[in-house]
Amino acid sequence: MNQLETRALRLGLKVKFTQARLGLLVGVHGCTIGRWERGIQHPRPSHRELLQQMRDQAESDLSGEAVADRARTGPRTSAPQPQKNRAAR
């Protein structure tokens, strides 16, 4: 997981985490998350695995939401057409 992927993960989660909060979840200091994002340091394999699990869960949640949205609104085939005002006749 490179620096851009780490930052994208943090910003792309359903709940937006600060570096400090993500650090607590992964088991490192928030400054370490910042160093990962800037490419100064790289996550250890165990931390990389946790981040990967979080990313997989976030992607799963997002795809589930998209399916639920389509189920509620139906498939979108074209943009909705504006209704004509019949009172103006």
N, C-alpha and C. Protein backbone atom coordinates (compact mmCIF):
# COMPACT_ATOMS: atom_id res chain seq x y z
N MET A 1 0.86 -1.17 0.00
CA MET A 1 0.00 0.00 0.00
C MET A 1 0.90 1.22 0.00
N ASN A 2 0.76 2.06 -1.02
CA ASN A 2 1.61 3.24 -1.11
C ASN A 2 0.96 4.43 -0.40
N GLN A 3 1.66 5.56 -0.42
CA GLN A 3 1.19 6.73 0.33
C GLN A 3 -0.16 7.23 -0.16
N LEU A 4 -0.38 7.21 -1.47
CA LEU A 4 -1.66 7.68 -1.99
C LEU A 4 -2.79 6.73 -1.61
N GLU A 5 -2.52 5.44 -1.61
CA GLU A 5 -3.54 4.48 -1.22
C GLU A 5 -3.91 4.63 0.25
N THR A 6 -2.91 4.89 1.09
CA THR A 6 -3.18 5.09 2.52
C THR A 6 -4.06 6.31 2.72
N ARG A 7 -3.74 7.40 2.06
CA ARG A 7 -4.55 8.62 2.20
C ARG A 7 -5.93 8.43 1.61
N ALA A 8 -6.01 7.78 0.45
CA ALA A 8 -7.30 7.53 -0.18
C ALA A 8 -8.18 6.66 0.72
N LEU A 9 -7.57 5.69 1.36
CA LEU A 9 -8.33 4.84 2.28
C LEU A 9 -8.92 5.70 3.40
N ARG A 10 -8.09 6.52 4.02
CA ARG A 10 -8.56 7.32 5.16
C ARG A 10 -9.67 8.26 4.74
N LEU A 11 -9.53 8.88 3.58
CA LEU A 11 -10.52 9.85 3.14
C LEU A 11 -11.74 9.19 2.50
N GLY A 12 -11.59 7.98 2.03
CA GLY A 12 -12.68 7.30 1.34
C GLY A 12 -13.58 6.47 2.23
N LEU A 13 -13.22 6.32 3.48
CA LEU A 13 -14.06 5.54 4.38
C LEU A 13 -15.38 6.26 4.62
N LYS A 14 -16.40 5.47 4.92
CA LYS A 14 -17.74 6.04 5.15
C LYS A 14 -17.68 7.09 6.26
N VAL A 15 -16.99 6.76 7.34
CA VAL A 15 -16.75 7.71 8.42
C VAL A 15 -15.36 8.28 8.18
N LYS A 16 -15.26 9.58 8.04
CA LYS A 16 -13.97 10.20 7.77
C LYS A 16 -13.13 10.19 9.04
N PHE A 17 -11.97 9.55 8.95
CA PHE A 17 -11.09 9.45 10.10
C PHE A 17 -9.98 10.47 10.01
N THR A 18 -9.63 11.02 11.16
CA THR A 18 -8.41 11.82 11.22
C THR A 18 -7.23 10.85 11.23
N GLN A 19 -6.05 11.38 11.04
CA GLN A 19 -4.87 10.53 11.12
C GLN A 19 -4.76 9.92 12.51
N ALA A 20 -5.09 10.69 13.53
CA ALA A 20 -5.00 10.19 14.90
C ALA A 20 -5.98 9.04 15.14
N ARG A 21 -7.20 9.19 14.66
CA ARG A 21 -8.21 8.15 14.86
C ARG A 21 -7.85 6.87 14.10
N LEU A 22 -7.39 7.01 12.85
CA LEU A 22 -6.99 5.84 12.09
C LEU A 22 -5.78 5.18 12.76
N GLY A 23 -4.89 5.99 13.30
CA GLY A 23 -3.74 5.44 14.03
C GLY A 23 -4.18 4.61 15.21
N LEU A 24 -5.19 5.07 15.94
CA LEU A 24 -5.70 4.29 17.07
C LEU A 24 -6.27 2.95 16.60
N LEU A 25 -6.97 2.96 15.49
CA LEU A 25 -7.58 1.73 14.98
C LEU A 25 -6.53 0.73 14.50
N VAL A 26 -5.45 1.26 13.93
CA VAL A 26 -4.41 0.39 13.37
C VAL A 26 -3.36 0.03 14.43
N GLY A 27 -3.25 0.86 15.46
CA GLY A 27 -2.29 0.58 16.53
C GLY A 27 -0.98 1.33 16.40
N VAL A 28 -1.03 2.50 15.75
CA VAL A 28 0.15 3.35 15.63
C VAL A 28 -0.25 4.78 16.00
N HIS A 29 0.74 5.64 16.14
CA HIS A 29 0.48 7.04 16.43
C HIS A 29 -0.04 7.73 15.17
N GLY A 30 -0.85 8.75 15.33
CA GLY A 30 -1.38 9.49 14.20
C GLY A 30 -0.29 10.09 13.32
N CYS A 31 0.82 10.49 13.93
CA CYS A 31 1.95 11.01 13.15
C CYS A 31 2.50 9.96 12.19
N THR A 32 2.43 8.70 12.62
CA THR A 32 2.90 7.61 11.76
C THR A 32 2.03 7.51 10.51
N ILE A 33 0.71 7.68 10.68
CA ILE A 33 -0.19 7.67 9.52
C ILE A 33 0.22 8.79 8.56
N GLY A 34 0.51 9.95 9.10
CA GLY A 34 0.96 11.07 8.27
C GLY A 34 2.25 10.75 7.53
N ARG A 35 3.19 10.08 8.21
CA ARG A 35 4.44 9.71 7.54
C ARG A 35 4.20 8.68 6.45
N TRP A 36 3.24 7.77 6.67
CA TRP A 36 2.88 6.80 5.62
C TRP A 36 2.31 7.54 4.42
N GLU A 37 1.42 8.49 4.69
CA GLU A 37 0.77 9.23 3.61
C GLU A 37 1.76 10.08 2.81
N ARG A 38 2.79 10.56 3.47
CA ARG A 38 3.79 11.37 2.77
C ARG A 38 4.92 10.53 2.17
N GLY A 39 4.91 9.23 2.43
CA GLY A 39 5.92 8.33 1.87
C GLY A 39 7.23 8.33 2.62
N ILE A 40 7.27 8.92 3.81
CA ILE A 40 8.49 8.96 4.62
C ILE A 40 8.75 7.58 5.22
N GLN A 41 7.70 6.93 5.65
CA GLN A 41 7.76 5.57 6.19
C GLN A 41 6.73 4.73 5.45
N HIS A 42 6.85 3.43 5.63
CA HIS A 42 5.89 2.50 5.03
C HIS A 42 5.31 1.62 6.12
N PRO A 43 4.03 1.25 6.00
CA PRO A 43 3.43 0.39 7.02
C PRO A 43 4.10 -0.98 7.07
N ARG A 44 4.18 -1.53 8.27
CA ARG A 44 4.66 -2.90 8.42
C ARG A 44 3.63 -3.84 7.80
N PRO A 45 4.04 -5.06 7.50
CA PRO A 45 3.09 -6.01 6.90
C PRO A 45 1.81 -6.20 7.73
N SER A 46 1.93 -6.24 9.05
CA SER A 46 0.73 -6.42 9.88
C SER A 46 -0.20 -5.20 9.77
N HIS A 47 0.38 -3.99 9.72
CA HIS A 47 -0.43 -2.78 9.57
C HIS A 47 -1.02 -2.71 8.16
N ARG A 48 -0.23 -3.12 7.17
CA ARG A 48 -0.70 -3.14 5.79
C ARG A 48 -1.91 -4.07 5.67
N GLU A 49 -1.85 -5.20 6.35
CA GLU A 49 -2.98 -6.15 6.32
C GLU A 49 -4.23 -5.54 6.94
N LEU A 50 -4.08 -4.83 8.05
CA LEU A 50 -5.24 -4.16 8.67
C LEU A 50 -5.82 -3.10 7.75
N LEU A 51 -4.96 -2.32 7.13
CA LEU A 51 -5.43 -1.28 6.21
C LEU A 51 -6.14 -1.90 5.01
N GLN A 52 -5.61 -3.02 4.52
CA GLN A 52 -6.23 -3.71 3.39
C GLN A 52 -7.62 -4.22 3.78
N GLN A 53 -7.74 -4.76 4.98
CA GLN A 53 -9.04 -5.24 5.46
C GLN A 53 -10.03 -4.09 5.56
N MET A 54 -9.56 -2.94 6.05
CA MET A 54 -10.44 -1.78 6.16
C MET A 54 -10.88 -1.31 4.78
N ARG A 55 -9.94 -1.30 3.81
CA ARG A 55 -10.28 -0.88 2.45
C ARG A 55 -11.28 -1.85 1.82
N ASP A 56 -11.06 -3.15 2.01
CA ASP A 56 -11.98 -4.14 1.45
C ASP A 56 -13.37 -3.97 2.04
N GLN A 57 -13.44 -3.73 3.35
CA GLN A 57 -14.74 -3.54 4.00
C GLN A 57 -15.42 -2.28 3.49
N ALA A 58 -14.64 -1.21 3.31
CA ALA A 58 -15.21 0.05 2.81
C ALA A 58 -15.75 -0.14 1.40
N GLU A 59 -15.01 -0.85 0.55
CA GLU A 59 -15.47 -1.10 -0.82
C GLU A 59 -16.72 -1.96 -0.82
N SER A 60 -16.77 -2.93 0.07
CA SER A 60 -17.94 -3.80 0.18
C SER A 60 -19.15 -2.99 0.63
N ASP A 61 -18.94 -2.11 1.60
CA ASP A 61 -20.03 -1.26 2.08
C ASP A 61 -20.54 -0.35 0.97
N LEU A 62 -19.61 0.22 0.20
CA LEU A 62 -20.01 1.13 -0.87
C LEU A 62 -20.77 0.39 -1.97
N SER A 63 -20.32 -0.80 -2.33
CA SER A 63 -21.02 -1.54 -3.39
C SER A 63 -22.39 -1.97 -2.88
N GLY A 64 -22.51 -2.30 -1.60
CA GLY A 64 -23.81 -2.66 -1.03
C GLY A 64 -24.76 -1.48 -1.03
N GLU A 65 -24.24 -0.27 -0.78
CA GLU A 65 -25.07 0.93 -0.81
C GLU A 65 -25.56 1.22 -2.22
N ALA A 66 -24.70 0.99 -3.21
CA ALA A 66 -25.09 1.25 -4.59
C ALA A 66 -26.22 0.31 -5.00
N VAL A 67 -26.12 -0.95 -4.59
CA VAL A 67 -27.18 -1.92 -4.90
C VAL A 67 -28.46 -1.52 -4.21
N ALA A 68 -28.37 -1.09 -2.94
CA ALA A 68 -29.56 -0.68 -2.19
C ALA A 68 -30.18 0.55 -2.83
N ASP A 69 -29.36 1.50 -3.29
CA ASP A 69 -29.89 2.70 -3.95
C ASP A 69 -30.64 2.33 -5.22
N ARG A 70 -30.07 1.43 -6.03
CA ARG A 70 -30.75 1.02 -7.26
C ARG A 70 -32.05 0.30 -6.95
N ALA A 71 -32.07 -0.48 -5.87
CA ALA A 71 -33.28 -1.20 -5.50
C ALA A 71 -34.38 -0.22 -5.09
N ARG A 72 -34.01 0.87 -4.42
CA ARG A 72 -34.99 1.86 -3.99
C ARG A 72 -35.51 2.69 -5.15
N THR A 73 -34.62 3.07 -6.05
CA THR A 73 -35.01 4.01 -7.10
C THR A 73 -35.24 3.35 -8.44
N GLY A 74 -34.85 2.10 -8.59
CA GLY A 74 -34.99 1.42 -9.87
C GLY A 74 -33.83 1.77 -10.78
N PRO A 75 -33.65 1.00 -11.84
CA PRO A 75 -32.53 1.29 -12.73
C PRO A 75 -32.73 2.60 -13.46
N ARG A 76 -31.68 3.31 -13.66
CA ARG A 76 -31.75 4.61 -14.33
C ARG A 76 -31.42 4.40 -15.80
N THR A 77 -32.39 4.63 -16.66
CA THR A 77 -32.17 4.44 -18.09
C THR A 77 -31.89 5.76 -18.78
N SER A 78 -32.47 6.82 -18.32
CA SER A 78 -32.21 8.14 -18.89
C SER A 78 -32.54 9.19 -17.84
N ALA A 79 -32.16 10.39 -18.12
CA ALA A 79 -32.45 11.49 -17.20
C ALA A 79 -33.95 11.75 -17.17
N PRO A 80 -34.50 12.05 -15.99
CA PRO A 80 -35.93 12.34 -15.91
C PRO A 80 -36.30 13.55 -16.75
N GLN A 81 -37.44 13.48 -17.40
CA GLN A 81 -37.92 14.56 -18.25
C GLN A 81 -38.77 15.51 -17.42
N PRO A 82 -38.63 16.82 -17.63
CA PRO A 82 -39.44 17.78 -16.87
C PRO A 82 -40.91 17.67 -17.27
N GLN A 83 -41.77 17.85 -16.30
CA GLN A 83 -43.21 17.81 -16.54
C GLN A 83 -43.65 19.13 -17.16
N LYS A 84 -44.54 19.05 -18.14
CA LYS A 84 -45.08 20.27 -18.76
C LYS A 84 -46.16 20.82 -17.85
N ASN A 85 -46.25 22.11 -17.79
CA ASN A 85 -47.22 22.76 -16.95
C ASN A 85 -48.55 22.83 -17.73
N ARG A 86 -49.51 22.01 -17.34
CA ARG A 86 -50.79 21.96 -18.06
C ARG A 86 -51.72 23.11 -17.70
N ALA A 87 -51.44 23.78 -16.59
CA ALA A 87 -52.30 24.88 -16.17
C ALA A 87 -52.14 26.08 -17.09
N ALA A 88 -51.08 26.14 -17.87
CA ALA A 88 -50.82 27.28 -18.72
C ALA A 88 -51.65 27.26 -20.00
N ARG A 89 -52.41 26.22 -20.28
CA ARG A 89 -53.21 26.13 -21.50
C ARG A 89 -54.28 27.13 -21.58
